[in-house]
Amino acid sequence: MGVWDLLGIAVGLAMDAFAVSICKGLATKKNFIKTGLACGIWFGFFQALMPLLGWLLGRTVAGYVSSVAPYIAFALLAFLGVKMIVEAIKELKEIKKAKEEGICDCCADEKNASLSVKVMFVFAIATSIDALAAGLSFAAMDANIWVAISFIGIVTFLFSFVGATLGAKVGGLLRGKAEIFGGVILIAMGLKVLIQHLIEVFAR
């Protein structure tokens, strides 16, 4: 995987944290800078930690699956992308239904407004668990894990901060759409890995 591939995956993975940060910003409003920094640090750290753990796990079996590594990477990234899109569409439908029934936006509740360690830890785990599978794909493709997790951590921090700001300013309009965008990026990265491998196979 090249630098641009890793950056693309980092952006895709960051979309979950971006969506949650929009919620946080919407719930806290005027304290969006504090909220953005809290989201950035929490989500950025765990989003970088999870791929590292996945990579360490994947390295134990990488030697046995090297011949099918591109297919594994494609399957993992495509699965994550489709999962993200399906969940985002479901969330958008729920939001639309809530608005039609006159129910208050789910972002503006006490849990989303809280920046306590307990609440932020739960959100950080929830938004980064998919990155564990991405770490497995890094191991399968023998990617530079330190470059990968650096990109993922930094990109997630920036997107989380921006997300909290947008949430405070424009509300939750981008929440579900951001996750769909992230899912499309992950699928595209997986397809790129697969297509490049197939081209190499047929060129032999």
N, C-alpha and C. Protein backbone atom coordinates (compact mmCIF):
# COMPACT_ATOMS: atom_id res chain seq x y z
N MET A 1 0.84 -1.20 0.00
CA MET A 1 0.00 0.00 0.00
C MET A 1 0.87 1.25 0.00
N GLY A 2 0.54 2.19 -0.89
CA GLY A 2 1.27 3.44 -0.94
C GLY A 2 0.74 4.45 0.05
N VAL A 3 1.40 5.60 0.09
CA VAL A 3 1.02 6.66 1.02
C VAL A 3 -0.41 7.13 0.77
N TRP A 4 -0.77 7.31 -0.51
CA TRP A 4 -2.11 7.79 -0.83
C TRP A 4 -3.18 6.77 -0.48
N ASP A 5 -2.85 5.49 -0.63
CA ASP A 5 -3.79 4.44 -0.23
C ASP A 5 -4.05 4.50 1.27
N LEU A 6 -2.97 4.63 2.03
CA LEU A 6 -3.10 4.69 3.49
C LEU A 6 -3.87 5.94 3.92
N LEU A 7 -3.62 7.05 3.22
CA LEU A 7 -4.33 8.28 3.54
C LEU A 7 -5.82 8.13 3.25
N GLY A 8 -6.13 7.48 2.13
CA GLY A 8 -7.54 7.25 1.79
C GLY A 8 -8.24 6.41 2.82
N ILE A 9 -7.58 5.36 3.27
CA ILE A 9 -8.16 4.49 4.30
C ILE A 9 -8.33 5.27 5.61
N ALA A 10 -7.35 6.12 5.92
CA ALA A 10 -7.43 6.93 7.14
C ALA A 10 -8.66 7.84 7.11
N VAL A 11 -8.92 8.45 5.95
CA VAL A 11 -10.10 9.31 5.81
C VAL A 11 -11.37 8.49 5.96
N GLY A 12 -11.41 7.33 5.32
CA GLY A 12 -12.59 6.47 5.42
C GLY A 12 -12.88 6.05 6.85
N LEU A 13 -11.84 5.65 7.57
CA LEU A 13 -12.01 5.21 8.95
C LEU A 13 -12.41 6.37 9.87
N ALA A 14 -11.98 7.57 9.52
CA ALA A 14 -12.25 8.73 10.37
C ALA A 14 -13.71 9.18 10.32
N MET A 15 -14.46 8.70 9.34
CA MET A 15 -15.83 9.19 9.16
C MET A 15 -16.76 8.84 10.32
N ASP A 16 -16.53 7.70 10.96
CA ASP A 16 -17.34 7.34 12.14
C ASP A 16 -17.12 8.36 13.25
N ALA A 17 -15.85 8.65 13.51
CA ALA A 17 -15.51 9.63 14.55
C ALA A 17 -16.03 11.02 14.17
N PHE A 18 -15.95 11.34 12.88
CA PHE A 18 -16.46 12.62 12.38
C PHE A 18 -17.95 12.75 12.66
N ALA A 19 -18.71 11.68 12.39
CA ALA A 19 -20.15 11.70 12.60
C ALA A 19 -20.50 11.87 14.08
N VAL A 20 -19.80 11.14 14.95
CA VAL A 20 -20.05 11.24 16.39
C VAL A 20 -19.67 12.63 16.90
N SER A 21 -18.58 13.18 16.37
CA SER A 21 -18.15 14.52 16.78
C SER A 21 -19.16 15.59 16.38
N ILE A 22 -19.82 15.39 15.24
CA ILE A 22 -20.89 16.30 14.84
C ILE A 22 -21.98 16.29 15.89
N CYS A 23 -22.33 15.08 16.36
CA CYS A 23 -23.33 14.92 17.41
C CYS A 23 -22.90 15.64 18.69
N LYS A 24 -21.63 15.43 19.04
CA LYS A 24 -21.09 16.06 20.25
C LYS A 24 -21.14 17.58 20.15
N GLY A 25 -20.74 18.10 19.00
CA GLY A 25 -20.76 19.54 18.80
C GLY A 25 -22.17 20.11 18.86
N LEU A 26 -23.12 19.37 18.28
CA LEU A 26 -24.52 19.79 18.31
C LEU A 26 -25.06 19.83 19.73
N ALA A 27 -24.63 18.86 20.54
CA ALA A 27 -25.13 18.76 21.92
C ALA A 27 -24.50 19.79 22.84
N THR A 28 -23.25 20.19 22.57
CA THR A 28 -22.55 21.11 23.47
C THR A 28 -22.55 22.56 22.99
N LYS A 29 -22.81 22.78 21.70
CA LYS A 29 -22.94 24.11 21.11
C LYS A 29 -21.73 25.02 21.38
N LYS A 30 -21.83 25.94 22.35
CA LYS A 30 -20.83 26.99 22.55
C LYS A 30 -19.46 26.46 22.97
N ASN A 31 -19.40 25.28 23.54
CA ASN A 31 -18.12 24.72 23.99
C ASN A 31 -17.50 23.81 22.92
N PHE A 32 -17.73 24.15 21.64
CA PHE A 32 -17.31 23.24 20.58
C PHE A 32 -15.79 23.10 20.48
N ILE A 33 -15.02 24.11 20.87
CA ILE A 33 -13.55 23.99 20.82
C ILE A 33 -13.08 22.94 21.83
N LYS A 34 -13.58 23.04 23.04
CA LYS A 34 -13.25 22.04 24.06
C LYS A 34 -13.73 20.66 23.63
N THR A 35 -14.94 20.62 23.08
CA THR A 35 -15.51 19.35 22.61
C THR A 35 -14.68 18.78 21.46
N GLY A 36 -14.28 19.65 20.53
CA GLY A 36 -13.48 19.20 19.39
C GLY A 36 -12.14 18.64 19.81
N LEU A 37 -11.49 19.29 20.76
CA LEU A 37 -10.20 18.80 21.24
C LEU A 37 -10.36 17.47 21.97
N ALA A 38 -11.41 17.37 22.79
CA ALA A 38 -11.66 16.12 23.52
C ALA A 38 -11.94 14.97 22.54
N CYS A 39 -12.79 15.24 21.56
CA CYS A 39 -13.11 14.21 20.56
C CYS A 39 -11.86 13.83 19.76
N GLY A 40 -11.10 14.85 19.37
CA GLY A 40 -9.90 14.60 18.57
C GLY A 40 -8.89 13.73 19.29
N ILE A 41 -8.65 14.04 20.56
CA ILE A 41 -7.66 13.28 21.33
C ILE A 41 -8.15 11.86 21.60
N TRP A 42 -9.38 11.74 22.08
CA TRP A 42 -9.91 10.41 22.38
C TRP A 42 -10.02 9.55 21.13
N PHE A 43 -10.70 10.07 20.12
CA PHE A 43 -10.96 9.28 18.91
C PHE A 43 -9.68 9.04 18.12
N GLY A 44 -8.82 10.07 18.05
CA GLY A 44 -7.57 9.93 17.32
C GLY A 44 -6.67 8.86 17.93
N PHE A 45 -6.60 8.84 19.25
CA PHE A 45 -5.75 7.86 19.93
C PHE A 45 -6.25 6.43 19.70
N PHE A 46 -7.54 6.23 19.94
CA PHE A 46 -8.08 4.87 19.80
C PHE A 46 -8.15 4.43 18.34
N GLN A 47 -8.37 5.39 17.45
CA GLN A 47 -8.42 5.04 16.03
C GLN A 47 -7.03 4.62 15.53
N ALA A 48 -5.98 5.10 16.16
CA ALA A 48 -4.62 4.68 15.82
C ALA A 48 -4.24 3.40 16.56
N LEU A 49 -4.74 3.24 17.78
CA LEU A 49 -4.41 2.06 18.59
C LEU A 49 -5.01 0.78 18.01
N MET A 50 -6.25 0.84 17.58
CA MET A 50 -6.93 -0.37 17.10
C MET A 50 -6.25 -1.00 15.88
N PRO A 51 -5.86 -0.22 14.85
CA PRO A 51 -5.17 -0.83 13.72
C PRO A 51 -3.83 -1.46 14.13
N LEU A 52 -3.16 -0.84 15.11
CA LEU A 52 -1.91 -1.40 15.59
C LEU A 52 -2.15 -2.77 16.21
N LEU A 53 -3.22 -2.88 17.02
CA LEU A 53 -3.55 -4.17 17.63
C LEU A 53 -3.93 -5.19 16.55
N GLY A 54 -4.70 -4.74 15.55
CA GLY A 54 -5.08 -5.63 14.46
C GLY A 54 -3.87 -6.08 13.66
N TRP A 55 -2.94 -5.16 13.44
CA TRP A 55 -1.71 -5.48 12.71
C TRP A 55 -0.87 -6.50 13.48
N LEU A 56 -0.74 -6.30 14.78
CA LEU A 56 0.02 -7.24 15.61
C LEU A 56 -0.61 -8.63 15.56
N LEU A 57 -1.95 -8.67 15.60
CA LEU A 57 -2.65 -9.94 15.51
C LEU A 57 -2.46 -10.56 14.13
N GLY A 58 -2.56 -9.74 13.10
CA GLY A 58 -2.43 -10.23 11.73
C GLY A 58 -1.04 -10.72 11.40
N ARG A 59 -0.02 -10.12 12.00
CA ARG A 59 1.36 -10.53 11.72
C ARG A 59 1.63 -11.96 12.15
N THR A 60 0.86 -12.45 13.10
CA THR A 60 1.09 -13.82 13.57
C THR A 60 0.68 -14.86 12.52
N VAL A 61 -0.20 -14.45 11.59
CA VAL A 61 -0.65 -15.40 10.56
C VAL A 61 -0.32 -14.93 9.16
N ALA A 62 0.35 -13.77 9.05
CA ALA A 62 0.62 -13.19 7.73
C ALA A 62 1.42 -14.13 6.84
N GLY A 63 2.36 -14.83 7.42
CA GLY A 63 3.20 -15.72 6.62
C GLY A 63 2.44 -16.88 6.01
N TYR A 64 1.32 -17.24 6.62
CA TYR A 64 0.54 -18.37 6.13
C TYR A 64 -0.48 -17.97 5.06
N VAL A 65 -0.76 -16.68 4.95
CA VAL A 65 -1.81 -16.23 4.03
C VAL A 65 -1.28 -15.24 3.00
N SER A 66 0.03 -15.16 2.84
CA SER A 66 0.61 -14.16 1.95
C SER A 66 0.11 -14.28 0.51
N SER A 67 -0.18 -15.52 0.06
CA SER A 67 -0.60 -15.72 -1.32
C SER A 67 -2.00 -15.17 -1.59
N VAL A 68 -2.80 -15.07 -0.53
CA VAL A 68 -4.17 -14.55 -0.71
C VAL A 68 -4.35 -13.21 0.00
N ALA A 69 -3.25 -12.57 0.37
CA ALA A 69 -3.30 -11.31 1.12
C ALA A 69 -4.15 -10.24 0.44
N PRO A 70 -4.00 -10.01 -0.88
CA PRO A 70 -4.82 -8.96 -1.52
C PRO A 70 -6.32 -9.24 -1.42
N TYR A 71 -6.70 -10.52 -1.50
CA TYR A 71 -8.11 -10.88 -1.39
C TYR A 71 -8.64 -10.65 0.03
N ILE A 72 -7.78 -10.93 1.00
CA ILE A 72 -8.15 -10.69 2.40
C ILE A 72 -8.32 -9.20 2.65
N ALA A 73 -7.36 -8.41 2.15
CA ALA A 73 -7.43 -6.95 2.32
C ALA A 73 -8.69 -6.40 1.67
N PHE A 74 -8.99 -6.87 0.45
CA PHE A 74 -10.20 -6.42 -0.24
C PHE A 74 -11.45 -6.78 0.55
N ALA A 75 -11.52 -8.03 1.02
CA ALA A 75 -12.70 -8.50 1.75
C ALA A 75 -12.92 -7.69 3.02
N LEU A 76 -11.84 -7.42 3.75
CA LEU A 76 -11.96 -6.67 5.00
C LEU A 76 -12.40 -5.24 4.76
N LEU A 77 -11.74 -4.57 3.80
CA LEU A 77 -12.07 -3.17 3.52
C LEU A 77 -13.48 -3.04 2.94
N ALA A 78 -13.84 -3.96 2.04
CA ALA A 78 -15.18 -3.93 1.45
C ALA A 78 -16.25 -4.18 2.52
N PHE A 79 -15.97 -5.13 3.41
CA PHE A 79 -16.91 -5.43 4.49
C PHE A 79 -17.12 -4.20 5.37
N LEU A 80 -16.02 -3.55 5.76
CA LEU A 80 -16.11 -2.36 6.59
C LEU A 80 -16.89 -1.26 5.88
N GLY A 81 -16.61 -1.09 4.59
CA GLY A 81 -17.29 -0.05 3.82
C GLY A 81 -18.78 -0.29 3.71
N VAL A 82 -19.16 -1.51 3.36
CA VAL A 82 -20.59 -1.85 3.24
C VAL A 82 -21.29 -1.72 4.59
N LYS A 83 -20.63 -2.19 5.65
CA LYS A 83 -21.19 -2.09 7.00
C LYS A 83 -21.44 -0.63 7.37
N MET A 84 -20.48 0.22 7.07
CA MET A 84 -20.61 1.64 7.39
C MET A 84 -21.77 2.27 6.63
N ILE A 85 -21.90 1.93 5.35
CA ILE A 85 -22.96 2.50 4.52
C ILE A 85 -24.33 2.03 5.00
N VAL A 86 -24.47 0.73 5.28
CA VAL A 86 -25.75 0.18 5.73
C VAL A 86 -26.18 0.84 7.04
N GLU A 87 -25.23 0.98 7.98
CA GLU A 87 -25.55 1.60 9.27
C GLU A 87 -25.92 3.06 9.11
N ALA A 88 -25.24 3.75 8.18
CA ALA A 88 -25.53 5.17 7.95
C ALA A 88 -26.92 5.35 7.34
N ILE A 89 -27.27 4.51 6.39
CA ILE A 89 -28.60 4.59 5.77
C ILE A 89 -29.69 4.33 6.81
N LYS A 90 -29.45 3.33 7.65
CA LYS A 90 -30.40 3.02 8.72
C LYS A 90 -30.55 4.20 9.66
N GLU A 91 -29.43 4.84 10.00
CA GLU A 91 -29.47 6.00 10.90
C GLU A 91 -30.21 7.16 10.27
N LEU A 92 -29.98 7.41 8.98
CA LEU A 92 -30.66 8.49 8.28
C LEU A 92 -32.17 8.27 8.26
N LYS A 93 -32.59 7.02 8.07
CA LYS A 93 -34.02 6.70 8.08
C LYS A 93 -34.63 6.95 9.45
N GLU A 94 -33.86 6.60 10.51
CA GLU A 94 -34.35 6.81 11.87
C GLU A 94 -34.48 8.30 12.18
N ILE A 95 -33.51 9.08 11.71
CA ILE A 95 -33.55 10.53 11.92
C ILE A 95 -34.74 11.14 11.20
N LYS A 96 -34.96 10.70 9.96
CA LYS A 96 -36.09 11.20 9.17
C LYS A 96 -37.41 10.86 9.83
N LYS A 97 -37.52 9.63 10.32
CA LYS A 97 -38.74 9.19 10.99
C LYS A 97 -38.98 9.99 12.27
N ALA A 98 -37.89 10.24 13.02
CA ALA A 98 -38.01 11.01 14.26
C ALA A 98 -38.49 12.43 13.99
N LYS A 99 -37.97 13.02 12.91
CA LYS A 99 -38.38 14.38 12.56
C LYS A 99 -39.84 14.43 12.14
N GLU A 100 -40.28 13.41 11.40
CA GLU A 100 -41.68 13.35 10.96
C GLU A 100 -42.63 13.19 12.13
N GLU A 101 -42.15 12.52 13.18
CA GLU A 101 -42.98 12.30 14.37
C GLU A 101 -42.80 13.40 15.40
N GLY A 102 -41.94 14.38 15.06
CA GLY A 102 -41.73 15.51 15.97
C GLY A 102 -40.90 15.20 17.17
N ILE A 103 -40.08 14.14 17.07
CA ILE A 103 -39.21 13.75 18.20
C ILE A 103 -37.92 14.55 18.14
N CYS A 104 -37.43 14.96 19.28
CA CYS A 104 -36.19 15.75 19.35
C CYS A 104 -35.01 14.96 18.79
N ASP A 105 -34.09 15.68 18.13
CA ASP A 105 -32.90 15.02 17.55
C ASP A 105 -32.12 14.27 18.62
N CYS A 106 -31.73 13.03 18.30
CA CYS A 106 -31.04 12.16 19.27
C CYS A 106 -29.68 12.71 19.67
N CYS A 107 -29.14 13.64 18.89
CA CYS A 107 -27.83 14.18 19.22
C CYS A 107 -27.86 15.06 20.46
N ALA A 108 -29.01 15.65 20.73
CA ALA A 108 -29.05 16.68 21.76
C ALA A 108 -29.39 16.11 23.13
N ASP A 109 -28.93 14.92 23.46
CA ASP A 109 -29.23 14.36 24.77
C ASP A 109 -28.04 14.51 25.70
N GLU A 110 -28.27 14.17 26.96
CA GLU A 110 -27.25 14.39 28.00
C GLU A 110 -26.00 13.56 27.75
N LYS A 111 -26.18 12.33 27.26
CA LYS A 111 -25.04 11.44 27.02
C LYS A 111 -24.11 12.02 25.96
N ASN A 112 -24.68 12.57 24.88
CA ASN A 112 -23.87 13.14 23.82
C ASN A 112 -23.18 14.43 24.26
N ALA A 113 -23.79 15.14 25.21
CA ALA A 113 -23.19 16.38 25.68
C ALA A 113 -22.04 16.12 26.66
N SER A 114 -22.01 14.95 27.27
CA SER A 114 -21.00 14.64 28.29
C SER A 114 -19.63 14.37 27.67
N LEU A 115 -18.59 14.89 28.35
CA LEU A 115 -17.20 14.63 27.95
C LEU A 115 -16.47 13.85 29.04
N SER A 116 -17.23 13.16 29.89
CA SER A 116 -16.62 12.38 30.97
C SER A 116 -15.80 11.24 30.41
N VAL A 117 -14.85 10.75 31.21
CA VAL A 117 -13.98 9.67 30.78
C VAL A 117 -14.79 8.44 30.40
N LYS A 118 -15.79 8.10 31.20
CA LYS A 118 -16.60 6.91 30.94
C LYS A 118 -17.32 7.01 29.60
N VAL A 119 -17.95 8.15 29.35
CA VAL A 119 -18.71 8.34 28.11
C VAL A 119 -17.79 8.38 26.91
N MET A 120 -16.69 9.13 27.01
CA MET A 120 -15.78 9.27 25.88
C MET A 120 -15.07 7.95 25.56
N PHE A 121 -14.79 7.17 26.60
CA PHE A 121 -14.16 5.86 26.37
C PHE A 121 -15.08 4.95 25.56
N VAL A 122 -16.36 4.95 25.92
CA VAL A 122 -17.33 4.12 25.20
C VAL A 122 -17.44 4.57 23.75
N PHE A 123 -17.54 5.87 23.53
CA PHE A 123 -17.63 6.40 22.17
C PHE A 123 -16.35 6.10 21.38
N ALA A 124 -15.20 6.22 22.05
CA ALA A 124 -13.91 5.98 21.37
C ALA A 124 -13.80 4.53 20.91
N ILE A 125 -14.22 3.60 21.77
CA ILE A 125 -14.19 2.18 21.40
C ILE A 125 -15.17 1.91 20.25
N ALA A 126 -16.36 2.48 20.37
CA ALA A 126 -17.41 2.25 19.37
C ALA A 126 -17.00 2.75 17.99
N THR A 127 -16.31 3.91 17.94
CA THR A 127 -15.94 4.49 16.65
C THR A 127 -14.67 3.89 16.07
N SER A 128 -13.91 3.16 16.88
CA SER A 128 -12.61 2.67 16.41
C SER A 128 -12.54 1.16 16.24
N ILE A 129 -13.58 0.45 16.64
CA ILE A 129 -13.51 -1.02 16.61
C ILE A 129 -13.35 -1.54 15.17
N ASP A 130 -13.93 -0.84 14.19
CA ASP A 130 -13.77 -1.27 12.80
C ASP A 130 -12.32 -1.15 12.34
N ALA A 131 -11.58 -0.24 12.95
CA ALA A 131 -10.19 -0.04 12.57
C ALA A 131 -9.33 -1.25 12.93
N LEU A 132 -9.82 -2.09 13.83
CA LEU A 132 -9.11 -3.32 14.17
C LEU A 132 -9.00 -4.22 12.94
N ALA A 133 -10.09 -4.31 12.19
CA ALA A 133 -10.09 -5.12 10.97
C ALA A 133 -9.19 -4.49 9.91
N ALA A 134 -9.16 -3.17 9.87
CA ALA A 134 -8.27 -2.49 8.93
C ALA A 134 -6.81 -2.83 9.24
N GLY A 135 -6.49 -2.95 10.52
CA GLY A 135 -5.14 -3.35 10.92
C GLY A 135 -4.79 -4.73 10.41
N LEU A 136 -5.77 -5.63 10.37
CA LEU A 136 -5.55 -6.96 9.81
C LEU A 136 -5.21 -6.87 8.32
N SER A 137 -5.88 -5.96 7.63
CA SER A 137 -5.61 -5.79 6.20
C SER A 137 -4.21 -5.20 5.99
N PHE A 138 -3.76 -4.34 6.89
CA PHE A 138 -2.40 -3.79 6.80
C PHE A 138 -1.37 -4.91 6.93
N ALA A 139 -1.64 -5.84 7.85
CA ALA A 139 -0.72 -6.97 8.03
C ALA A 139 -0.70 -7.86 6.79
N ALA A 140 -1.88 -8.07 6.21
CA ALA A 140 -1.97 -8.92 5.02
C ALA A 140 -1.21 -8.31 3.84
N MET A 141 -1.22 -6.99 3.75
CA MET A 141 -0.58 -6.31 2.62
C MET A 141 0.84 -5.84 2.96
N ASP A 142 1.30 -6.15 4.18
CA ASP A 142 2.65 -5.76 4.62
C ASP A 142 2.85 -4.26 4.51
N ALA A 143 1.85 -3.49 4.92
CA ALA A 143 1.92 -2.03 4.89
C ALA A 143 2.80 -1.53 6.03
N ASN A 144 3.32 -0.31 5.89
CA ASN A 144 4.10 0.33 6.94
C ASN A 144 3.14 0.76 8.04
N ILE A 145 3.07 0.01 9.11
CA ILE A 145 2.06 0.25 10.14
C ILE A 145 2.25 1.58 10.84
N TRP A 146 3.49 2.01 10.98
CA TRP A 146 3.73 3.27 11.70
C TRP A 146 3.26 4.47 10.90
N VAL A 147 3.47 4.42 9.60
CA VAL A 147 2.93 5.48 8.73
C VAL A 147 1.41 5.42 8.75
N ALA A 148 0.87 4.20 8.68
CA ALA A 148 -0.59 4.01 8.64
C ALA A 148 -1.27 4.58 9.89
N ILE A 149 -0.78 4.18 11.07
CA ILE A 149 -1.46 4.64 12.29
C ILE A 149 -1.21 6.12 12.55
N SER A 150 -0.09 6.65 12.05
CA SER A 150 0.15 8.10 12.17
C SER A 150 -0.87 8.85 11.35
N PHE A 151 -1.09 8.42 10.11
CA PHE A 151 -2.10 9.03 9.25
C PHE A 151 -3.48 8.94 9.90
N ILE A 152 -3.81 7.73 10.36
CA ILE A 152 -5.14 7.50 10.92
C ILE A 152 -5.38 8.37 12.15
N GLY A 153 -4.39 8.42 13.05
CA GLY A 153 -4.54 9.22 14.26
C GLY A 153 -4.68 10.70 13.98
N ILE A 154 -3.82 11.22 13.10
CA ILE A 154 -3.84 12.65 12.78
C ILE A 154 -5.10 13.03 12.03
N VAL A 155 -5.44 12.23 11.02
CA VAL A 155 -6.65 12.52 10.22
C VAL A 155 -7.90 12.46 11.10
N THR A 156 -7.97 11.46 11.98
CA THR A 156 -9.13 11.34 12.86
C THR A 156 -9.22 12.53 13.81
N PHE A 157 -8.07 12.97 14.34
CA PHE A 157 -8.07 14.14 15.22
C PHE A 157 -8.63 15.36 14.49
N LEU A 158 -8.14 15.60 13.28
CA LEU A 158 -8.58 16.77 12.51
C LEU A 158 -10.07 16.68 12.16
N PHE A 159 -10.50 15.51 11.70
CA PHE A 159 -11.91 15.36 11.33
C PHE A 159 -12.82 15.47 12.55
N SER A 160 -12.36 14.98 13.69
CA SER A 160 -13.16 15.07 14.91
C SER A 160 -13.33 16.51 15.35
N PHE A 161 -12.25 17.27 15.28
CA PHE A 161 -12.32 18.68 15.66
C PHE A 161 -13.24 19.45 14.72
N VAL A 162 -13.07 19.22 13.43
CA VAL A 162 -13.92 19.89 12.44
C VAL A 162 -15.37 19.45 12.61
N GLY A 163 -15.58 18.16 12.90
CA GLY A 163 -16.93 17.65 13.08
C GLY A 163 -17.64 18.32 14.24
N ALA A 164 -16.95 18.50 15.36
CA ALA A 164 -17.55 19.17 16.52
C ALA A 164 -17.91 20.62 16.18
N THR A 165 -17.06 21.27 15.41
CA THR A 165 -17.32 22.64 14.99
C THR A 165 -18.54 22.72 14.09
N LEU A 166 -18.61 21.81 13.11
CA LEU A 166 -19.75 21.79 12.20
C LEU A 166 -21.04 21.46 12.94
N GLY A 167 -20.94 20.53 13.90
CA GLY A 167 -22.11 20.17 14.68
C GLY A 167 -22.68 21.36 15.43
N ALA A 168 -21.80 22.17 15.99
CA ALA A 168 -22.23 23.35 16.73
C ALA A 168 -22.81 24.42 15.82
N LYS A 169 -22.30 24.49 14.58
CA LYS A 169 -22.69 25.57 13.67
C LYS A 169 -23.87 25.22 12.77
N VAL A 170 -23.86 24.00 12.22
CA VAL A 170 -24.89 23.67 11.22
C VAL A 170 -25.75 22.47 11.62
N GLY A 171 -25.54 21.91 12.80
CA GLY A 171 -26.37 20.80 13.23
C GLY A 171 -25.90 19.47 12.68
N GLY A 172 -26.78 18.48 12.71
CA GLY A 172 -26.41 17.11 12.35
C GLY A 172 -26.69 16.73 10.91
N LEU A 173 -26.75 17.70 10.01
CA LEU A 173 -27.10 17.41 8.61
C LEU A 173 -26.11 16.49 7.93
N LEU A 174 -24.83 16.57 8.32
CA LEU A 174 -23.79 15.81 7.64
C LEU A 174 -23.52 14.45 8.25
N ARG A 175 -24.16 14.15 9.35
CA ARG A 175 -23.79 12.97 10.14
C ARG A 175 -23.84 11.67 9.35
N GLY A 176 -25.01 11.29 8.86
CA GLY A 176 -25.14 10.04 8.13
C GLY A 176 -24.42 10.06 6.80
N LYS A 177 -24.44 11.22 6.13
CA LYS A 177 -23.80 11.34 4.83
C LYS A 177 -22.29 11.14 4.94
N ALA A 178 -21.70 11.59 6.05
CA ALA A 178 -20.26 11.42 6.26
C ALA A 178 -19.90 9.94 6.33
N GLU A 179 -20.73 9.16 7.02
CA GLU A 179 -20.44 7.73 7.15
C GLU A 179 -20.59 7.00 5.82
N ILE A 180 -21.57 7.44 5.00
CA ILE A 180 -21.72 6.86 3.66
C ILE A 180 -20.48 7.15 2.82
N PHE A 181 -20.01 8.39 2.90
CA PHE A 181 -18.80 8.79 2.17
C PHE A 181 -17.61 7.95 2.61
N GLY A 182 -17.48 7.76 3.93
CA GLY A 182 -16.38 6.94 4.45
C GLY A 182 -16.46 5.50 3.97
N GLY A 183 -17.68 4.95 3.93
CA GLY A 183 -17.86 3.60 3.45
C GLY A 183 -17.47 3.44 1.99
N VAL A 184 -17.83 4.43 1.18
CA VAL A 184 -17.48 4.40 -0.25
C VAL A 184 -15.97 4.42 -0.43
N ILE A 185 -15.27 5.24 0.37
CA ILE A 185 -13.81 5.33 0.29
C ILE A 185 -13.17 3.98 0.62
N LEU A 186 -13.64 3.34 1.68
CA LEU A 186 -13.06 2.04 2.08
C LEU A 186 -13.29 0.98 1.00
N ILE A 187 -14.47 0.96 0.42
CA ILE A 187 -14.74 0.01 -0.66
C ILE A 187 -13.84 0.29 -1.85
N ALA A 188 -13.68 1.58 -2.17
CA ALA A 188 -12.83 1.96 -3.30
C ALA A 188 -11.37 1.55 -3.07
N MET A 189 -10.89 1.71 -1.84
CA MET A 189 -9.52 1.31 -1.53
C MET A 189 -9.36 -0.22 -1.65
N GLY A 190 -10.37 -0.94 -1.19
CA GLY A 190 -10.33 -2.39 -1.30
C GLY A 190 -10.34 -2.85 -2.76
N LEU A 191 -11.17 -2.21 -3.58
CA LEU A 191 -11.21 -2.54 -5.01
C LEU A 191 -9.88 -2.23 -5.69
N LYS A 192 -9.26 -1.13 -5.28
CA LYS A 192 -7.97 -0.75 -5.87
C LYS A 192 -6.92 -1.82 -5.59
N VAL A 193 -6.89 -2.30 -4.35
CA VAL A 193 -5.94 -3.36 -3.98
C VAL A 193 -6.20 -4.62 -4.81
N LEU A 194 -7.48 -4.99 -4.94
CA LEU A 194 -7.85 -6.20 -5.70
C LEU A 194 -7.50 -6.06 -7.17
N ILE A 195 -7.86 -4.94 -7.76
CA ILE A 195 -7.61 -4.73 -9.20
C ILE A 195 -6.12 -4.72 -9.51
N GLN A 196 -5.34 -4.04 -8.66
CA GLN A 196 -3.89 -4.01 -8.87
C GLN A 196 -3.31 -5.41 -8.82
N HIS A 197 -3.80 -6.21 -7.88
CA HIS A 197 -3.30 -7.59 -7.75
C HIS A 197 -3.66 -8.41 -8.99
N LEU A 198 -4.91 -8.30 -9.45
CA LEU A 198 -5.35 -9.06 -10.61
C LEU A 198 -4.58 -8.66 -11.87
N ILE A 199 -4.29 -7.37 -12.00
CA ILE A 199 -3.50 -6.90 -13.14
C ILE A 199 -2.12 -7.53 -13.11
N GLU A 200 -1.51 -7.59 -11.92
CA GLU A 200 -0.19 -8.20 -11.77
C GLU A 200 -0.24 -9.69 -12.10
N VAL A 201 -1.30 -10.37 -11.68
CA VAL A 201 -1.45 -11.81 -11.93
C VAL A 201 -1.54 -12.10 -13.43
N PHE A 202 -2.40 -11.33 -14.12
CA PHE A 202 -2.61 -11.58 -15.55
C PHE A 202 -1.45 -11.08 -16.42
N ALA A 203 -0.62 -10.21 -15.82
CA ALA A 203 0.52 -9.67 -16.59
C ALA A 203 1.70 -10.63 -16.55
N ARG A 204 1.67 -11.63 -15.70
CA ARG A 204 2.77 -12.58 -15.57
C ARG A 204 2.82 -13.52 -16.78
